[in-house]
């Protein structure tokens, strides 16, 4: 049984979701290219080269160089995800953009808290899946790409002053939660759900969400995260819920790494009891959220 999804507003342009998503990807490519150019200009002004900085960044690198990388990542997040999603939805729905993105209503505190708690419980599960993913054979280029990204993240997480932690939260938790949820759950999942089942749309969007990060040693856990966020959107019919949950997931990892630093290159699975306990509690929370969603549909129908 599937929940009845809100009827989408009729867009004033081509009705084909394939054409519409092609437009979205075109906007993403254009805006991403603009972001790359802007980062290069800022780098020249500050005396840094982005490519060189990302390949040579160390935990001991200067705060100025780390802040350049943080600023570059912020620009990339805004221009690659947030701006294209907003332009796309405005082109289709104009003044109804916020309504179509399912942002016009405020979710209940209970739903938000359950979504956030589900993300915290997901941490050991994702860590176990991440360990399993690392056991799978991958080409050398994929392993090197993952190592490069982990080195950047590990270097940025080594902070010497408090405001660096705040910047990390903005760049790694706030902006990805907004931009990625706008694009993947707010636009892509909803458009796919117009052509296939809601569950199919959730999982296809989760696969795309994971693939676009180009971190194949983390493909499976990121796909799982994307699916959970997709179901939170499906059950709540409100994009603020997966946005908040995504923020909680990323921010929790940042704070844990800040409080108890560890080498990101060392991958160890969490204990079996912790993982199974998290699975059981996550299932119960998901069951509660889905039950409330079905009860909400029944109330609306009566």
Foldseek 3Di string as FASTA:
>chain_A
DAFDAPDADFFPDDPQLVVLVVQLVVQLVVLLVVLVVVLCVVCVVVVHDQVVCLQPFALPDDPVSLVSNLVSLLSNLCRNFVVSLQVSLCNGPNVCSCVLLQAPDDFDPVLLVLLQVLLVLCVLVLLQVLLVLLVDDDDPVLVVVLVSVLRSVLSQLSDDDPVSLVSCLVSFFQSCLNRVLSHLQSRQLVSVCVPDPSLVSQQVSLQVQLVVVSNRSSNVSSSVLSSSLSLSCSLRVHSVRSSSNSNSNRSVVSVCCNVPPDRPVDRDRDDPVSNVVSVVVSVVSSVVSNVVSVVVSVVVVD
